[in-house]
């Protein structure tokens, strides 16, 4: 049984994170054991609301990266907190990008996310059009560091931004987003 599910998303972080608190009556920490390298399939739906509003992590799972607090709840049961994160965050720490690009910013972001040599993500990707092409050499850096480099150099295509040409790259429950601040305001 679960007690609490928290999912954290921010436009200032690359990936989603969260925590799951469960009631453990079978001493899972010893019998399984839970080590913090498991995957969690999760689907959250509000009754009476359409399926399009469901939070669905059955295809794109979450990774358990840490077993947190363990609190004795009653005789024979304990509360266990599991810390969750998108698998792309863990893959980002293991992979590096060494490649030169002469293409649009959107194509660079798409390559970093979809290429099986880098993050190999199958999550939805929402890209806003941007101005021009970029010539960049990735000097053996982590994929999200390259995304930060591209994001800092990208300009929006519309001219009504009044200096709000800055782009953001973030993940929410719908997928990954590469959007300008002006688009988010509208």
N, C-alpha and C. Protein backbone atom coordinates (compact mmCIF):
# COMPACT_ATOMS: atom_id res chain seq x y z
N UNK A 1 0.84 -1.19 0.00
CA UNK A 1 0.00 0.00 0.00
C UNK A 1 0.88 1.24 0.00
N UNK A 2 0.42 2.24 -0.71
CA UNK A 2 1.18 3.48 -0.70
C UNK A 2 0.49 4.49 0.22
N UNK A 3 1.29 5.36 0.80
CA UNK A 3 0.77 6.40 1.68
C UNK A 3 0.77 7.73 0.96
N UNK A 4 1.85 7.98 0.20
CA UNK A 4 2.00 9.29 -0.42
C UNK A 4 2.84 9.17 -1.68
N UNK A 5 2.44 9.90 -2.73
CA UNK A 5 3.21 10.01 -3.96
C UNK A 5 3.43 11.48 -4.23
N UNK A 6 4.68 11.89 -4.37
CA UNK A 6 5.01 13.28 -4.70
C UNK A 6 5.83 13.28 -5.98
N UNK A 7 5.42 14.07 -6.96
CA UNK A 7 6.19 14.26 -8.18
C UNK A 7 6.55 15.73 -8.26
N UNK A 8 7.84 16.02 -8.51
CA UNK A 8 8.34 17.38 -8.54
C UNK A 8 8.78 17.71 -9.97
N UNK A 9 8.23 18.78 -10.51
CA UNK A 9 8.64 19.25 -11.82
C UNK A 9 8.88 20.75 -11.72
N UNK A 10 9.87 21.21 -12.48
CA UNK A 10 10.22 22.62 -12.46
C UNK A 10 10.75 23.00 -13.83
N UNK A 11 10.49 24.24 -14.25
CA UNK A 11 11.03 24.69 -15.52
C UNK A 11 12.53 24.96 -15.41
N UNK A 12 13.09 24.87 -14.23
CA UNK A 12 14.51 25.12 -14.03
C UNK A 12 15.32 23.84 -13.82
N UNK A 13 14.68 22.68 -13.94
CA UNK A 13 15.40 21.41 -13.84
C UNK A 13 15.13 20.58 -15.10
N UNK A 14 16.10 19.78 -15.48
CA UNK A 14 15.99 19.01 -16.71
C UNK A 14 15.01 17.85 -16.61
N UNK A 15 14.93 17.24 -15.44
CA UNK A 15 14.13 16.02 -15.32
C UNK A 15 13.20 16.08 -14.12
N UNK A 16 12.27 15.18 -14.14
CA UNK A 16 11.29 15.03 -13.06
C UNK A 16 11.92 14.24 -11.92
N UNK A 17 11.48 14.51 -10.71
CA UNK A 17 11.89 13.71 -9.57
C UNK A 17 10.66 13.52 -8.68
N UNK A 18 10.80 12.70 -7.67
CA UNK A 18 9.66 12.47 -6.80
C UNK A 18 10.00 11.53 -5.66
N UNK A 19 8.97 11.21 -4.91
CA UNK A 19 9.14 10.24 -3.83
C UNK A 19 7.84 9.45 -3.67
N UNK A 20 7.98 8.25 -3.20
CA UNK A 20 6.87 7.35 -2.96
C UNK A 20 7.05 6.77 -1.57
N UNK A 21 6.03 6.94 -0.74
CA UNK A 21 6.07 6.37 0.61
C UNK A 21 5.09 5.20 0.64
N UNK A 22 5.61 4.04 1.04
CA UNK A 22 4.79 2.83 1.07
C UNK A 22 4.73 2.27 2.48
N UNK A 23 3.69 1.49 2.75
CA UNK A 23 3.58 0.75 4.00
C UNK A 23 4.11 -0.65 3.72
N UNK A 24 5.15 -1.02 4.42
CA UNK A 24 5.81 -2.31 4.21
C UNK A 24 5.45 -3.24 5.37
N UNK A 25 4.64 -4.25 5.07
CA UNK A 25 4.28 -5.24 6.10
C UNK A 25 4.98 -6.57 5.87
N UNK A 26 5.78 -6.67 4.80
CA UNK A 26 6.46 -7.91 4.47
C UNK A 26 7.98 -7.82 4.57
N UNK A 27 8.47 -6.77 5.19
CA UNK A 27 9.91 -6.55 5.35
C UNK A 27 10.63 -6.63 4.00
N UNK A 28 10.15 -5.82 3.06
CA UNK A 28 10.70 -5.81 1.71
C UNK A 28 12.17 -5.42 1.67
N UNK A 29 12.59 -4.58 2.60
CA UNK A 29 13.99 -4.14 2.59
C UNK A 29 14.95 -5.30 2.80
N UNK A 30 14.50 -6.33 3.51
CA UNK A 30 15.35 -7.50 3.75
C UNK A 30 15.01 -8.62 2.77
N UNK A 31 13.74 -8.87 2.54
CA UNK A 31 13.32 -10.02 1.73
C UNK A 31 13.50 -9.83 0.23
N UNK A 32 13.37 -8.60 -0.30
CA UNK A 32 13.53 -8.43 -1.75
C UNK A 32 14.99 -8.40 -2.17
N UNK A 33 15.88 -7.71 -1.76
CA UNK A 33 15.85 -6.45 -1.01
C UNK A 33 15.71 -5.26 -1.96
N UNK A 34 15.20 -4.17 -1.45
CA UNK A 34 15.17 -2.91 -2.19
C UNK A 34 16.54 -2.26 -2.05
N UNK A 35 17.20 -1.98 -3.16
CA UNK A 35 18.55 -1.42 -3.11
C UNK A 35 18.64 -0.02 -3.69
N UNK A 36 17.59 0.42 -4.38
CA UNK A 36 17.65 1.73 -5.00
C UNK A 36 18.01 1.65 -6.47
N UNK A 37 17.88 0.50 -7.11
CA UNK A 37 18.15 0.38 -8.54
C UNK A 37 16.96 -0.24 -9.27
N UNK A 38 15.77 -0.09 -8.71
CA UNK A 38 14.57 -0.67 -9.29
C UNK A 38 13.87 0.36 -10.19
N UNK A 39 12.93 -0.14 -10.98
CA UNK A 39 12.09 0.70 -11.82
C UNK A 39 10.67 0.67 -11.29
N UNK A 40 9.97 1.77 -11.47
CA UNK A 40 8.60 1.88 -10.99
C UNK A 40 7.69 2.27 -12.15
N UNK A 41 6.70 1.45 -12.41
CA UNK A 41 5.64 1.78 -13.36
C UNK A 41 4.50 2.39 -12.57
N UNK A 42 4.02 3.54 -13.01
CA UNK A 42 3.07 4.29 -12.23
C UNK A 42 2.03 4.91 -13.16
N UNK A 43 0.77 4.80 -12.79
CA UNK A 43 -0.30 5.48 -13.52
C UNK A 43 -1.26 6.06 -12.50
N UNK A 44 -1.43 7.38 -12.57
CA UNK A 44 -2.30 8.09 -11.64
C UNK A 44 -3.42 8.72 -12.45
N UNK A 45 -4.66 8.46 -12.03
CA UNK A 45 -5.81 8.97 -12.75
C UNK A 45 -6.86 9.40 -11.75
N UNK A 46 -7.50 10.52 -12.02
CA UNK A 46 -8.58 11.00 -11.18
C UNK A 46 -9.89 10.45 -11.74
N UNK A 47 -10.68 9.79 -10.91
CA UNK A 47 -11.96 9.26 -11.40
C UNK A 47 -12.85 10.38 -11.94
N UNK A 48 -13.48 10.12 -13.08
CA UNK A 48 -14.37 11.10 -13.68
C UNK A 48 -13.69 12.08 -14.61
N UNK A 49 -12.35 12.05 -14.67
CA UNK A 49 -11.61 12.93 -15.56
C UNK A 49 -11.10 12.08 -16.72
N UNK A 50 -11.01 12.66 -17.90
CA UNK A 50 -10.62 11.91 -19.09
C UNK A 50 -9.21 11.32 -18.94
N UNK A 51 -8.93 10.25 -19.69
CA UNK A 51 -7.63 9.58 -19.64
C UNK A 51 -6.50 10.46 -20.13
N UNK A 52 -6.80 11.52 -20.88
CA UNK A 52 -5.74 12.39 -21.38
C UNK A 52 -5.07 13.15 -20.24
N UNK A 53 -5.74 13.26 -19.09
CA UNK A 53 -5.17 13.96 -17.96
C UNK A 53 -4.45 13.03 -16.98
N UNK A 54 -4.36 11.76 -17.30
CA UNK A 54 -3.69 10.81 -16.41
C UNK A 54 -2.19 11.02 -16.46
N UNK A 55 -1.54 10.78 -15.35
CA UNK A 55 -0.07 10.77 -15.27
C UNK A 55 0.33 9.32 -15.49
N UNK A 56 0.97 9.06 -16.63
CA UNK A 56 1.22 7.68 -17.04
C UNK A 56 2.71 7.40 -17.21
N UNK A 57 3.25 6.62 -16.30
CA UNK A 57 4.63 6.17 -16.39
C UNK A 57 4.67 4.65 -16.50
N UNK A 58 3.80 4.09 -17.35
CA UNK A 58 3.81 2.65 -17.58
C UNK A 58 4.76 2.30 -18.72
N UNK A 59 4.86 3.17 -19.72
CA UNK A 59 5.79 2.94 -20.83
C UNK A 59 7.16 3.50 -20.49
N UNK A 60 7.19 4.71 -19.99
CA UNK A 60 8.44 5.37 -19.59
C UNK A 60 8.50 5.34 -18.07
N UNK A 61 9.22 4.39 -17.55
CA UNK A 61 9.24 4.13 -16.12
C UNK A 61 10.06 5.19 -15.37
N UNK A 62 9.87 5.22 -14.06
CA UNK A 62 10.69 6.04 -13.17
C UNK A 62 11.73 5.13 -12.52
N UNK A 63 12.86 5.68 -12.15
CA UNK A 63 13.91 4.91 -11.49
C UNK A 63 13.94 5.22 -10.01
N UNK A 64 14.09 4.18 -9.20
CA UNK A 64 14.30 4.35 -7.76
C UNK A 64 15.80 4.50 -7.58
N UNK A 65 16.22 5.64 -7.07
CA UNK A 65 17.66 5.85 -6.92
C UNK A 65 18.11 5.85 -5.46
N UNK A 66 17.15 5.79 -4.54
CA UNK A 66 17.55 5.77 -3.14
C UNK A 66 16.39 5.28 -2.28
N UNK A 67 16.73 4.50 -1.28
CA UNK A 67 15.76 4.14 -0.25
C UNK A 67 16.00 5.13 0.88
N UNK A 68 14.99 5.95 1.14
CA UNK A 68 15.14 7.02 2.12
C UNK A 68 14.79 6.58 3.53
N UNK A 69 14.00 7.39 4.19
CA UNK A 69 13.65 7.14 5.58
C UNK A 69 12.84 5.86 5.73
N UNK A 70 13.13 5.14 6.81
CA UNK A 70 12.35 3.97 7.20
C UNK A 70 11.87 4.24 8.62
N UNK A 71 10.53 4.27 8.79
CA UNK A 71 9.94 4.62 10.09
C UNK A 71 9.04 3.47 10.52
N UNK A 72 9.22 3.02 11.76
CA UNK A 72 8.32 2.01 12.29
C UNK A 72 6.94 2.62 12.48
N UNK A 73 5.92 2.01 11.83
CA UNK A 73 4.56 2.54 11.90
C UNK A 73 3.77 1.87 13.01
N UNK A 74 3.84 0.57 13.06
CA UNK A 74 3.18 -0.20 14.10
C UNK A 74 3.87 -1.56 14.16
N UNK A 75 3.39 -2.40 14.99
CA UNK A 75 4.02 -3.72 15.11
C UNK A 75 3.87 -4.48 13.78
N UNK A 76 4.98 -4.85 13.19
CA UNK A 76 4.97 -5.61 11.94
C UNK A 76 4.85 -4.77 10.68
N UNK A 77 4.89 -3.44 10.78
CA UNK A 77 4.84 -2.62 9.57
C UNK A 77 5.75 -1.41 9.73
N UNK A 78 6.20 -0.93 8.60
CA UNK A 78 7.06 0.26 8.59
C UNK A 78 6.74 1.08 7.35
N UNK A 79 7.02 2.36 7.45
CA UNK A 79 6.88 3.27 6.30
C UNK A 79 8.24 3.39 5.64
N UNK A 80 8.27 3.22 4.33
CA UNK A 80 9.52 3.30 3.57
C UNK A 80 9.37 4.37 2.49
N UNK A 81 10.31 5.29 2.45
CA UNK A 81 10.30 6.33 1.42
C UNK A 81 11.28 5.94 0.31
N UNK A 82 10.79 5.92 -0.92
CA UNK A 82 11.61 5.64 -2.09
C UNK A 82 11.76 6.92 -2.90
N UNK A 83 12.98 7.30 -3.21
CA UNK A 83 13.23 8.49 -4.02
C UNK A 83 13.26 8.09 -5.48
N UNK A 84 12.54 8.86 -6.30
CA UNK A 84 12.37 8.54 -7.72
C UNK A 84 12.98 9.63 -8.58
N UNK A 85 13.39 9.24 -9.79
CA UNK A 85 13.92 10.20 -10.75
C UNK A 85 13.72 9.64 -12.15
N UNK A 86 13.69 10.51 -13.14
CA UNK A 86 13.62 10.05 -14.53
C UNK A 86 14.90 9.31 -14.88
N UNK A 87 14.80 8.22 -15.61
CA UNK A 87 16.01 7.46 -15.97
C UNK A 87 17.01 8.28 -16.79
N UNK A 88 16.52 9.30 -17.51
CA UNK A 88 17.43 10.15 -18.30
C UNK A 88 18.42 10.88 -17.41
N UNK A 89 18.05 11.20 -16.18
CA UNK A 89 18.97 11.88 -15.26
C UNK A 89 20.13 10.95 -14.89
N UNK A 90 19.84 9.67 -14.71
CA UNK A 90 20.89 8.71 -14.40
C UNK A 90 21.76 8.43 -15.62
N UNK A 91 21.12 8.31 -16.79
CA UNK A 91 21.87 8.09 -18.03
C UNK A 91 22.77 9.27 -18.32
N UNK A 92 22.30 10.48 -18.04
CA UNK A 92 23.09 11.69 -18.27
C UNK A 92 24.43 11.64 -17.51
N UNK A 93 24.43 11.05 -16.32
CA UNK A 93 25.66 10.99 -15.53
C UNK A 93 26.67 9.99 -16.09
N UNK A 94 26.19 9.01 -16.88
CA UNK A 94 27.07 7.97 -17.42
C UNK A 94 27.57 8.29 -18.82
N UNK A 95 26.83 9.08 -19.58
CA UNK A 95 27.14 9.30 -20.99
C UNK A 95 27.79 10.66 -21.21
N UNK A 96 28.53 10.73 -22.32
CA UNK A 96 29.14 11.99 -22.75
C UNK A 96 28.94 12.15 -24.24
N UNK A 97 28.84 13.41 -24.67
CA UNK A 97 28.65 13.73 -26.09
C UNK A 97 29.93 14.35 -26.62
N UNK A 98 30.51 13.70 -27.64
CA UNK A 98 31.66 14.24 -28.39
C UNK A 98 31.26 14.24 -29.85
N UNK A 99 30.79 15.40 -30.31
CA UNK A 99 30.25 15.46 -31.66
C UNK A 99 30.21 16.91 -32.10
N UNK A 100 30.35 17.13 -33.40
CA UNK A 100 30.17 18.48 -33.92
C UNK A 100 28.82 18.56 -34.63
N UNK A 101 28.18 19.70 -34.49
CA UNK A 101 26.86 19.94 -35.08
C UNK A 101 26.89 21.21 -35.92
N UNK A 102 26.26 21.16 -37.08
CA UNK A 102 25.97 22.35 -37.87
C UNK A 102 24.53 22.16 -38.34
N UNK A 103 23.61 22.56 -37.48
CA UNK A 103 22.19 22.34 -37.74
C UNK A 103 21.36 23.25 -36.83
N UNK A 104 20.06 23.09 -36.88
CA UNK A 104 19.20 23.92 -36.03
C UNK A 104 19.30 23.47 -34.57
N UNK A 105 18.95 24.37 -33.68
CA UNK A 105 18.98 24.07 -32.26
C UNK A 105 18.03 22.92 -31.92
N UNK A 106 16.87 22.92 -32.57
CA UNK A 106 15.90 21.85 -32.33
C UNK A 106 16.46 20.48 -32.70
N UNK A 107 17.20 20.42 -33.81
CA UNK A 107 17.79 19.15 -34.23
C UNK A 107 18.86 18.66 -33.26
N UNK A 108 19.59 19.60 -32.68
CA UNK A 108 20.60 19.22 -31.69
C UNK A 108 19.92 18.64 -30.44
N UNK A 109 18.90 19.33 -29.95
CA UNK A 109 18.16 18.85 -28.77
C UNK A 109 17.56 17.48 -29.06
N UNK A 110 16.96 17.34 -30.23
CA UNK A 110 16.34 16.08 -30.61
C UNK A 110 17.37 14.95 -30.68
N UNK A 111 18.54 15.22 -31.24
CA UNK A 111 19.59 14.21 -31.34
C UNK A 111 20.08 13.77 -29.96
N UNK A 112 20.29 14.73 -29.08
CA UNK A 112 20.76 14.40 -27.73
C UNK A 112 19.75 13.53 -26.99
N UNK A 113 18.47 13.83 -27.15
CA UNK A 113 17.44 13.07 -26.45
C UNK A 113 17.14 11.72 -27.09
N UNK A 114 17.11 11.64 -28.40
CA UNK A 114 16.67 10.42 -29.09
C UNK A 114 17.80 9.46 -29.45
N UNK A 115 19.01 9.95 -29.64
CA UNK A 115 20.13 9.12 -30.07
C UNK A 115 20.43 8.05 -29.02
N UNK A 116 20.54 6.80 -29.45
CA UNK A 116 20.80 5.72 -28.49
C UNK A 116 22.21 5.77 -27.91
N UNK A 117 23.09 6.60 -28.44
CA UNK A 117 24.42 6.78 -27.86
C UNK A 117 24.41 7.75 -26.69
N UNK A 118 23.34 8.53 -26.57
CA UNK A 118 23.27 9.55 -25.52
C UNK A 118 22.15 9.21 -24.54
N UNK A 119 21.03 9.92 -24.56
CA UNK A 119 19.97 9.70 -23.57
C UNK A 119 18.96 8.63 -23.98
N UNK A 120 18.76 8.42 -25.27
CA UNK A 120 17.88 7.36 -25.79
C UNK A 120 16.49 7.42 -25.16
N UNK A 121 15.91 8.61 -25.12
CA UNK A 121 14.60 8.80 -24.51
C UNK A 121 13.49 8.59 -25.53
N UNK A 122 12.41 7.96 -25.10
CA UNK A 122 11.23 7.75 -25.95
C UNK A 122 10.05 8.60 -25.48
N UNK A 123 10.29 9.51 -24.57
CA UNK A 123 9.23 10.38 -24.07
C UNK A 123 8.85 11.41 -25.12
N UNK A 124 7.66 11.99 -24.97
CA UNK A 124 7.21 13.04 -25.88
C UNK A 124 8.18 14.20 -25.83
N UNK A 125 8.37 14.84 -26.98
CA UNK A 125 9.28 15.97 -27.08
C UNK A 125 8.54 17.13 -27.73
N UNK A 126 8.46 18.26 -27.02
CA UNK A 126 7.77 19.45 -27.50
C UNK A 126 8.81 20.53 -27.79
N UNK A 127 9.04 20.79 -29.08
CA UNK A 127 10.07 21.74 -29.50
C UNK A 127 9.42 22.98 -30.11
N UNK A 128 9.83 24.14 -29.64
CA UNK A 128 9.39 25.39 -30.25
C UNK A 128 10.42 25.79 -31.31
N UNK A 129 9.95 26.31 -32.42
CA UNK A 129 10.88 26.74 -33.48
C UNK A 129 11.75 27.87 -32.96
N UNK A 130 12.99 27.88 -33.46
CA UNK A 130 13.93 28.91 -33.05
C UNK A 130 14.62 29.48 -34.29
N UNK A 131 15.32 30.59 -34.11
CA UNK A 131 16.00 31.26 -35.22
C UNK A 131 17.32 30.57 -35.55
N UNK A 132 17.59 30.45 -36.84
CA UNK A 132 18.90 30.09 -37.34
C UNK A 132 19.40 28.70 -37.00
N UNK A 133 20.65 28.50 -37.45
CA UNK A 133 21.36 27.26 -37.18
C UNK A 133 22.52 27.52 -36.24
N UNK A 134 23.06 26.47 -35.71
CA UNK A 134 24.16 26.59 -34.76
C UNK A 134 25.32 25.73 -35.22
N UNK A 135 26.50 26.25 -35.04
CA UNK A 135 27.72 25.50 -35.28
C UNK A 135 28.39 25.33 -33.92
N UNK A 136 28.45 24.08 -33.48
CA UNK A 136 28.96 23.83 -32.13
C UNK A 136 29.69 22.50 -32.10
N UNK A 137 30.72 22.46 -31.29
CA UNK A 137 31.44 21.22 -31.03
C UNK A 137 31.23 20.87 -29.57
N UNK A 138 30.72 19.69 -29.34
CA UNK A 138 30.50 19.23 -27.97
C UNK A 138 31.78 18.57 -27.47
N UNK A 139 32.46 19.16 -26.51
CA UNK A 139 33.78 18.67 -26.08
C UNK A 139 33.70 17.60 -24.98
N UNK A 140 33.09 16.45 -25.29
CA UNK A 140 33.04 15.33 -24.34
C UNK A 140 32.37 15.74 -23.02
N UNK A 141 31.16 16.28 -23.14
CA UNK A 141 30.42 16.72 -21.96
C UNK A 141 29.14 15.91 -21.82
N UNK A 142 28.53 15.99 -20.66
CA UNK A 142 27.27 15.28 -20.41
C UNK A 142 26.18 15.85 -21.31
N UNK A 143 25.22 15.01 -21.72
CA UNK A 143 24.16 15.47 -22.63
C UNK A 143 23.40 16.71 -22.15
N UNK A 144 23.04 16.77 -20.88
CA UNK A 144 22.29 17.93 -20.41
C UNK A 144 23.16 19.19 -20.35
N UNK A 145 24.48 19.04 -20.23
CA UNK A 145 25.36 20.21 -20.32
C UNK A 145 25.36 20.77 -21.74
N UNK A 146 25.31 19.89 -22.74
CA UNK A 146 25.20 20.35 -24.12
C UNK A 146 23.85 21.02 -24.35
N UNK A 147 22.80 20.46 -23.78
CA UNK A 147 21.47 21.08 -23.89
C UNK A 147 21.50 22.48 -23.29
N UNK A 148 22.18 22.65 -22.15
CA UNK A 148 22.30 23.98 -21.54
C UNK A 148 23.03 24.96 -22.46
N UNK A 149 24.10 24.48 -23.12
CA UNK A 149 24.85 25.34 -24.04
C UNK A 149 23.94 25.79 -25.19
N UNK A 150 23.20 24.87 -25.76
CA UNK A 150 22.31 25.19 -26.87
C UNK A 150 21.19 26.12 -26.41
N UNK A 151 20.62 25.83 -25.25
CA UNK A 151 19.52 26.64 -24.72
C UNK A 151 19.95 28.09 -24.51
N UNK A 152 21.16 28.30 -24.03
CA UNK A 152 21.63 29.66 -23.76
C UNK A 152 21.87 30.46 -25.04
N UNK A 153 22.05 29.80 -26.17
CA UNK A 153 22.32 30.48 -27.44
C UNK A 153 21.10 30.59 -28.34
N UNK A 154 19.97 30.07 -27.95
CA UNK A 154 18.79 30.00 -28.81
C UNK A 154 17.93 31.25 -28.68
N UNK A 155 17.41 31.70 -29.83
CA UNK A 155 16.51 32.85 -29.86
C UNK A 155 15.17 32.43 -30.45
N UNK A 156 14.11 33.03 -29.93
CA UNK A 156 12.75 32.74 -30.42
C UNK A 156 12.56 33.34 -31.81
N UNK A 157 11.64 32.78 -32.57
CA UNK A 157 11.37 33.26 -33.92
C UNK A 157 10.46 34.47 -33.96
N UNK A 158 9.65 34.67 -32.92
CA UNK A 158 8.74 35.83 -32.95
C UNK A 158 9.45 37.08 -32.45
N UNK A 159 9.02 38.22 -32.96
CA UNK A 159 9.67 39.49 -32.62
C UNK A 159 8.93 40.26 -31.54
N UNK A 160 7.92 39.70 -30.95
CA UNK A 160 7.12 40.41 -29.95
C UNK A 160 7.56 40.07 -28.53
N UNK A 161 8.77 39.59 -28.40
CA UNK A 161 9.21 39.08 -27.10
C UNK A 161 9.75 40.15 -26.17
N UNK A 162 10.07 41.34 -26.67
CA UNK A 162 10.62 42.42 -25.83
C UNK A 162 11.79 41.94 -24.99
N UNK A 163 12.73 41.23 -25.62
CA UNK A 163 13.91 40.79 -24.90
C UNK A 163 13.75 39.49 -24.15
N UNK A 164 12.59 38.86 -24.25
CA UNK A 164 12.37 37.58 -23.57
C UNK A 164 12.65 36.42 -24.52
N UNK A 165 13.83 36.44 -25.14
CA UNK A 165 14.20 35.42 -26.10
C UNK A 165 14.78 34.17 -25.45
N UNK A 166 14.83 34.13 -24.17
CA UNK A 166 15.48 33.02 -23.49
C UNK A 166 14.66 31.74 -23.61
N UNK A 167 15.36 30.65 -23.82
CA UNK A 167 14.72 29.35 -23.92
C UNK A 167 14.96 28.56 -22.64
N UNK A 168 14.06 27.65 -22.38
CA UNK A 168 14.16 26.75 -21.23
C UNK A 168 14.01 25.32 -21.72
N UNK A 169 14.70 24.41 -21.06
CA UNK A 169 14.55 22.99 -21.33
C UNK A 169 14.18 22.33 -20.01
N UNK A 170 13.06 21.60 -20.00
CA UNK A 170 12.59 20.98 -18.77
C UNK A 170 11.72 19.78 -19.09
N UNK A 171 11.47 18.97 -18.08
CA UNK A 171 10.56 17.84 -18.21
C UNK A 171 9.40 18.02 -17.26
N UNK A 172 8.19 17.70 -17.75
CA UNK A 172 7.04 17.59 -16.86
C UNK A 172 6.37 16.24 -17.13
N UNK A 173 5.20 16.02 -16.60
CA UNK A 173 4.56 14.71 -16.73
C UNK A 173 4.13 14.42 -18.17
N UNK A 174 4.12 15.41 -19.03
CA UNK A 174 3.74 15.20 -20.44
C UNK A 174 4.93 14.84 -21.32
N UNK A 175 6.16 15.20 -20.90
CA UNK A 175 7.36 14.93 -21.69
C UNK A 175 8.38 16.04 -21.53
N UNK A 176 9.34 16.08 -22.47
CA UNK A 176 10.39 17.11 -22.46
C UNK A 176 9.94 18.31 -23.29
N UNK A 177 10.31 19.51 -22.81
CA UNK A 177 9.91 20.75 -23.46
C UNK A 177 11.14 21.61 -23.72
N UNK A 178 11.20 22.21 -24.91
CA UNK A 178 12.21 23.18 -25.28
C UNK A 178 11.45 24.39 -25.78
N UNK A 179 11.24 25.37 -24.88
CA UNK A 179 10.34 26.48 -25.19
C UNK A 179 10.94 27.81 -24.71
N UNK A 180 10.48 28.88 -25.36
CA UNK A 180 10.91 30.22 -24.96
C UNK A 180 10.06 30.71 -23.80
N UNK A 181 10.61 31.63 -23.06
CA UNK A 181 9.87 32.22 -21.94
C UNK A 181 8.62 32.94 -22.45
N UNK A 182 8.75 33.62 -23.60
CA UNK A 182 7.60 34.34 -24.16
C UNK A 182 6.47 33.37 -24.51
N UNK A 183 6.81 32.18 -25.00
CA UNK A 183 5.79 31.17 -25.29
C UNK A 183 5.12 30.70 -24.00
N UNK A 184 5.88 30.52 -22.95
CA UNK A 184 5.31 30.10 -21.68
C UNK A 184 4.40 31.16 -21.10
N UNK A 185 4.76 32.45 -21.28
CA UNK A 185 3.90 33.53 -20.80
C UNK A 185 2.57 33.57 -21.54
N UNK A 186 2.62 33.28 -22.84
CA UNK A 186 1.39 33.34 -23.63
C UNK A 186 0.52 32.12 -23.35
